[in-house]
């Protein structure tokens, strides 16, 4: 579940392992775009990092247009602008993106490459919240790898991932 500012509001253990260990981060650093530009591991995680990161910039710009007076969004844009030349360049393009679906190609340290077809669903009654689904192609190597990862997590993780509610959800 993603909120405005590309912030992760909730995720299951499989998503946490596949995409990013967001639950382990401080509430102010649970933004996917923050991780994409400021965490070197993100560049290794996404096979098409440049495509993913530039799309996130367009999504953040869409959020900025919808919420021009959001101080946390302004702070995030400021931090990313200061610390990432790529972000600065793409932000200056003024491109707006609304991601509804597509392909993400991910590298996972335990099982290798996994391709997922993501779909974004609006949450009725929850403005600025989007539920993302990440299915794999039936019968594919990616499906087998995802099942392997899910089995490994079931055996090696004590329980569900808990994410304390952050002040930045508003």
C-alpha atoms as a PDB file:
ATOM      1  CA  UNK A   1       0.000   0.000   0.000  1.00  0.00           C
ATOM      2  CA  UNK A   2       1.483   3.311  -1.071  1.00  0.00           C
ATOM      3  CA  UNK A   3       0.518   6.812  -0.012  1.00  0.00           C
ATOM      4  CA  UNK A   4       1.409  10.210  -1.301  1.00  0.00           C
ATOM      5  CA  UNK A   5       5.139  10.988  -1.554  1.00  0.00           C
ATOM      6  CA  UNK A   6       5.598   7.353  -2.710  1.00  0.00           C
ATOM      7  CA  UNK A   7       5.613   6.380   0.954  1.00  0.00           C
ATOM      8  CA  UNK A   8       4.978   2.745   1.828  1.00  0.00           C
ATOM      9  CA  UNK A   9       2.094   2.524   4.281  1.00  0.00           C
ATOM     10  CA  UNK A  10       1.955  -1.274   4.537  1.00  0.00           C
ATOM     11  CA  UNK A  11       3.492  -4.343   2.913  1.00  0.00           C
ATOM     12  CA  UNK A  12       3.595  -8.059   3.489  1.00  0.00           C
ATOM     13  CA  UNK A  13       6.864  -9.914   4.198  1.00  0.00           C
ATOM     14  CA  UNK A  14       7.144 -11.187   0.616  1.00  0.00           C
ATOM     15  CA  UNK A  15       6.871  -7.651  -0.780  1.00  0.00           C
ATOM     16  CA  UNK A  16       9.376  -6.423   1.818  1.00  0.00           C
ATOM     17  CA  UNK A  17      11.867  -9.054   0.697  1.00  0.00           C
ATOM     18  CA  UNK A  18      11.208  -8.561  -2.988  1.00  0.00           C
ATOM     19  CA  UNK A  19      11.111  -4.758  -3.197  1.00  0.00           C
ATOM     20  CA  UNK A  20      12.783  -3.195  -0.175  1.00  0.00           C
ATOM     21  CA  UNK A  21      13.129  -3.620   3.552  1.00  0.00           C
ATOM     22  CA  UNK A  22      10.912  -0.597   4.169  1.00  0.00           C
ATOM     23  CA  UNK A  23       9.579  -1.783   7.572  1.00  0.00           C
ATOM     24  CA  UNK A  24      13.123  -1.628   8.953  1.00  0.00           C
ATOM     25  CA  UNK A  25      13.463   2.046   8.006  1.00  0.00           C
ATOM     26  CA  UNK A  26      12.609   5.058  10.128  1.00  0.00           C
ATOM     27  CA  UNK A  27       9.149   6.506   9.371  1.00  0.00           C
ATOM     28  CA  UNK A  28      10.635   9.489   7.512  1.00  0.00           C
ATOM     29  CA  UNK A  29      12.576   7.180   5.187  1.00  0.00           C
ATOM     30  CA  UNK A  30       9.788   4.871   4.020  1.00  0.00           C
ATOM     31  CA  UNK A  31       9.431   6.593   0.682  1.00  0.00           C
ATOM     32  CA  UNK A  32      10.229   4.384  -2.293  1.00  0.00           C
ATOM     33  CA  UNK A  33      11.658   7.355  -4.161  1.00  0.00           C
ATOM     34  CA  UNK A  34      13.946   8.180  -1.220  1.00  0.00           C
ATOM     35  CA  UNK A  35      15.303   4.653  -1.368  1.00  0.00           C
ATOM     36  CA  UNK A  36      15.541   4.612  -5.169  1.00  0.00           C
ATOM     37  CA  UNK A  37      17.809   7.642  -5.282  1.00  0.00           C
ATOM     38  CA  UNK A  38      19.693   7.532  -1.977  1.00  0.00           C
ATOM     39  CA  UNK A  39      20.210   3.819  -1.298  1.00  0.00           C
ATOM     40  CA  UNK A  40      22.898   2.265  -3.537  1.00  0.00           C
ATOM     41  CA  UNK A  41      21.255  -1.165  -3.176  1.00  0.00           C
ATOM     42  CA  UNK A  42      18.197   0.115  -5.071  1.00  0.00           C
ATOM     43  CA  UNK A  43      20.257   0.474  -8.242  1.00  0.00           C
ATOM     44  CA  UNK A  44      21.151  -3.208  -7.977  1.00  0.00           C
ATOM     45  CA  UNK A  45      17.596  -4.277  -7.056  1.00  0.00           C
ATOM     46  CA  UNK A  46      15.933  -2.831 -10.161  1.00  0.00           C
ATOM     47  CA  UNK A  47      17.214  -4.201 -13.476  1.00  0.00           C
ATOM     48  CA  UNK A  48      15.800  -1.087 -15.187  1.00  0.00           C
ATOM     49  CA  UNK A  49      16.719   1.341 -12.401  1.00  0.00           C
ATOM     50  CA  UNK A  50      16.742   4.412 -14.633  1.00  0.00           C
ATOM     51  CA  UNK A  51      13.249   3.698 -15.988  1.00  0.00           C
ATOM     52  CA  UNK A  52      11.850   2.946 -12.526  1.00  0.00           C
ATOM     53  CA  UNK A  53      13.475   5.963 -10.880  1.00  0.00           C
ATOM     54  CA  UNK A  54      12.447   8.441 -13.583  1.00  0.00           C
ATOM     55  CA  UNK A  55       8.874   7.127 -13.397  1.00  0.00           C
ATOM     56  CA  UNK A  56       8.895   7.664  -9.627  1.00  0.00           C
ATOM     57  CA  UNK A  57       9.916  11.286 -10.206  1.00  0.00           C
ATOM     58  CA  UNK A  58       6.905  11.740 -12.480  1.00  0.00           C
ATOM     59  CA  UNK A  59       4.648  10.190  -9.839  1.00  0.00           C
ATOM     60  CA  UNK A  60       6.070  12.471  -7.155  1.00  0.00           C
ATOM     61  CA  UNK A  61       5.474  15.472  -9.441  1.00  0.00           C
ATOM     62  CA  UNK A  62       1.841  14.350  -9.813  1.00  0.00           C
ATOM     63  CA  UNK A  63       1.553  14.269  -6.004  1.00  0.00           C
ATOM     64  CA  UNK A  64       3.164  17.716  -5.808  1.00  0.00           C
ATOM     65  CA  UNK A  65       0.565  19.086  -8.215  1.00  0.00           C
ATOM     66  CA  UNK A  66      -2.261  17.630  -6.160  1.00  0.00           C
ATOM     67  CA  UNK A  67      -0.793  18.835  -2.849  1.00  0.00           C
ATOM     68  CA  UNK A  68       1.233  21.998  -3.524  1.00  0.00           C
ATOM     69  CA  UNK A  69       1.241  23.008   0.156  1.00  0.00           C
ATOM     70  CA  UNK A  70       2.528  19.687   1.538  1.00  0.00           C
ATOM     71  CA  UNK A  71       5.609  20.578   3.632  1.00  0.00           C
ATOM     72  CA  UNK A  72       6.819  16.962   3.856  1.00  0.00           C
ATOM     73  CA  UNK A  73       6.680  16.624   0.089  1.00  0.00           C
ATOM     74  CA  UNK A  74       8.626  19.878  -0.294  1.00  0.00           C
ATOM     75  CA  UNK A  75      11.207  18.594   2.199  1.00  0.00           C
ATOM     76  CA  UNK A  76      11.535  15.300   0.296  1.00  0.00           C
ATOM     77  CA  UNK A  77      11.979  17.086  -3.047  1.00  0.00           C
ATOM     78  CA  UNK A  78      14.560  19.385  -1.452  1.00  0.00           C
ATOM     79  CA  UNK A  79      16.563  16.527   0.030  1.00  0.00           C
ATOM     80  CA  UNK A  80      16.521  14.524  -3.190  1.00  0.00           C
ATOM     81  CA  UNK A  81      17.464  17.606  -5.226  1.00  0.00           C
ATOM     82  CA  UNK A  82      20.462  18.268  -3.001  1.00  0.00           C
ATOM     83  CA  UNK A  83      21.683  14.685  -2.887  1.00  0.00           C
ATOM     84  CA  UNK A  84      20.957  13.296  -6.364  1.00  0.00           C
ATOM     85  CA  UNK A  85      21.933  14.758  -9.704  1.00  0.00           C
ATOM     86  CA  UNK A  86      19.643  12.317 -11.529  1.00  0.00           C
ATOM     87  CA  UNK A  87      16.684  13.385  -9.428  1.00  0.00           C
ATOM     88  CA  UNK A  88      17.464  17.065 -10.046  1.00  0.00           C
ATOM     89  CA  UNK A  89      17.643  16.489 -13.798  1.00  0.00           C
ATOM     90  CA  UNK A  90      14.410  14.495 -14.012  1.00  0.00           C
ATOM     91  CA  UNK A  91      12.545  16.850 -11.657  1.00  0.00           C
ATOM     92  CA  UNK A  92      13.505  19.767 -13.909  1.00  0.00           C
ATOM     93  CA  UNK A  93      11.839  17.970 -16.869  1.00  0.00           C
ATOM     94  CA  UNK A  94       8.409  18.658 -15.285  1.00  0.00           C
ATOM     95  CA  UNK A  95       7.145  15.288 -16.530  1.00  0.00           C
ATOM     96  CA  UNK A  96       4.071  13.899 -14.762  1.00  0.00           C
ATOM     97  CA  UNK A  97       3.474  10.146 -14.594  1.00  0.00           C
ATOM     98  CA  UNK A  98       0.583   8.162 -13.232  1.00  0.00           C
ATOM     99  CA  UNK A  99       1.650   4.540 -12.960  1.00  0.00           C
ATOM    100  CA  UNK A 100      -1.229   2.104 -13.269  1.00  0.00           C
ATOM    101  CA  UNK A 101       0.582  -1.002 -14.414  1.00  0.00           C
ATOM    102  CA  UNK A 102       3.637  -2.372 -16.095  1.00  0.00           C
ATOM    103  CA  UNK A 103       6.629  -4.656 -15.781  1.00  0.00           C
ATOM    104  CA  UNK A 104       9.236  -4.525 -13.033  1.00  0.00           C
ATOM    105  CA  UNK A 105      12.381  -6.584 -13.387  1.00  0.00           C
ATOM    106  CA  UNK A 106      14.000  -7.196 -10.008  1.00  0.00           C
ATOM    107  CA  UNK A 107      17.215  -8.789  -8.800  1.00  0.00           C
ATOM    108  CA  UNK A 108      16.840 -10.698  -5.543  1.00  0.00           C
ATOM    109  CA  UNK A 109      19.909 -11.754  -3.577  1.00  0.00           C
ATOM    110  CA  UNK A 110      18.515 -15.208  -2.710  1.00  0.00           C
ATOM    111  CA  UNK A 111      16.602 -16.329  -5.803  1.00  0.00           C
ATOM    112  CA  UNK A 112      17.897 -14.196  -8.664  1.00  0.00           C
ATOM    113  CA  UNK A 113      15.902 -12.217 -11.188  1.00  0.00           C
ATOM    114  CA  UNK A 114      12.133 -11.994 -10.836  1.00  0.00           C
ATOM    115  CA  UNK A 115       9.882 -10.241 -13.349  1.00  0.00           C
ATOM    116  CA  UNK A 116       6.541  -9.030 -11.983  1.00  0.00           C
ATOM    117  CA  UNK A 117       3.654  -7.329 -13.741  1.00  0.00           C
ATOM    118  CA  UNK A 118       2.460  -4.696 -11.314  1.00  0.00           C
ATOM    119  CA  UNK A 119      -1.018  -3.244 -11.166  1.00  0.00           C
ATOM    120  CA  UNK A 120      -2.035  -0.162  -9.176  1.00  0.00           C
ATOM    121  CA  UNK A 121      -5.532  -0.049  -7.678  1.00  0.00           C
ATOM    122  CA  UNK A 122      -7.155   3.013  -6.130  1.00  0.00           C
ATOM    123  CA  UNK A 123      -8.505   2.472  -2.624  1.00  0.00           C
ATOM    124  CA  UNK A 124     -12.105   3.674  -2.376  1.00  0.00           C
ATOM    125  CA  UNK A 125     -12.521   6.163   0.442  1.00  0.00           C
ATOM    126  CA  UNK A 126      -8.772   6.487   1.017  1.00  0.00           C
ATOM    127  CA  UNK A 127      -7.536   9.470  -0.964  1.00  0.00           C
ATOM    128  CA  UNK A 128      -3.870   9.278  -1.936  1.00  0.00           C
ATOM    129  CA  UNK A 129      -3.592   5.561  -1.195  1.00  0.00           C
ATOM    130  CA  UNK A 130      -2.836   2.993  -3.861  1.00  0.00           C
ATOM    131  CA  UNK A 131      -2.726  -0.779  -3.497  1.00  0.00           C
ATOM    132  CA  UNK A 132      -0.093  -2.456  -5.670  1.00  0.00           C
ATOM    133  CA  UNK A 133      -0.299  -6.071  -6.814  1.00  0.00           C
ATOM    134  CA  UNK A 134       2.811  -7.828  -8.138  1.00  0.00           C
ATOM    135  CA  UNK A 135       1.849 -11.069  -9.899  1.00  0.00           C
ATOM    136  CA  UNK A 136       4.249 -13.096 -12.002  1.00  0.00           C
ATOM    137  CA  UNK A 137       3.486 -14.804 -15.286  1.00  0.00           C
ATOM    138  CA  UNK A 138       1.945 -18.230 -14.669  1.00  0.00           C
ATOM    139  CA  UNK A 139       4.418 -21.058 -15.263  1.00  0.00           C
ATOM    140  CA  UNK A 140       7.385 -18.701 -15.605  1.00  0.00           C
ATOM    141  CA  UNK A 141      10.808 -18.905 -13.976  1.00  0.00           C
ATOM    142  CA  UNK A 142       9.806 -15.779 -12.062  1.00  0.00           C
ATOM    143  CA  UNK A 143       6.771 -17.558 -10.613  1.00  0.00           C
ATOM    144  CA  UNK A 144       8.972 -20.458  -9.477  1.00  0.00           C
ATOM    145  CA  UNK A 145      11.509 -18.069  -7.925  1.00  0.00           C
ATOM    146  CA  UNK A 146       8.776 -16.113  -6.150  1.00  0.00           C
ATOM    147  CA  UNK A 147       7.335 -19.351  -4.739  1.00  0.00           C
ATOM    148  CA  UNK A 148      10.822 -20.358  -3.577  1.00  0.00           C
ATOM    149  CA  UNK A 149      11.252 -16.994  -1.878  1.00  0.00           C
ATOM    150  CA  UNK A 150       7.822 -17.249  -0.226  1.00  0.00           C
ATOM    151  CA  UNK A 151       8.689 -20.728   1.105  1.00  0.00           C
ATOM    152  CA  UNK A 152      12.036 -19.525   2.401  1.00  0.00           C
ATOM    153  CA  UNK A 153      10.373 -16.578   4.161  1.00  0.00           C
ATOM    154  CA  UNK A 154       7.707 -18.835   5.697  1.00  0.00           C
ATOM    155  CA  UNK A 155      10.431 -21.018   7.193  1.00  0.00           C
ATOM    156  CA  UNK A 156      12.832 -18.270   8.245  1.00  0.00           C
ATOM    157  CA  UNK A 157      10.719 -15.287   9.269  1.00  0.00           C
ATOM    158  CA  UNK A 158       9.045 -15.339  12.675  1.00  0.00           C
ATOM    159  CA  UNK A 159       5.823 -13.549  11.698  1.00  0.00           C
ATOM    160  CA  UNK A 160       4.199 -10.663   9.886  1.00  0.00           C
ATOM    161  CA  UNK A 161       6.062  -7.421   9.358  1.00  0.00           C
ATOM    162  CA  UNK A 162       4.774  -4.695  11.656  1.00  0.00           C
ATOM    163  CA  UNK A 163       5.050  -1.099  10.549  1.00  0.00           C
ATOM    164  CA  UNK A 164       4.241   1.508  13.207  1.00  0.00           C
ATOM    165  CA  UNK A 165       1.965   4.209  11.869  1.00  0.00           C
ATOM    166  CA  UNK A 166       3.980   7.271  10.991  1.00  0.00           C
ATOM    167  CA  UNK A 167       3.062  10.923  11.266  1.00  0.00           C
ATOM    168  CA  UNK A 168       3.923  11.296   7.591  1.00  0.00           C
ATOM    169  CA  UNK A 169       0.860   9.333   6.441  1.00  0.00           C
ATOM    170  CA  UNK A 170      -1.252  12.497   6.427  1.00  0.00           C
END
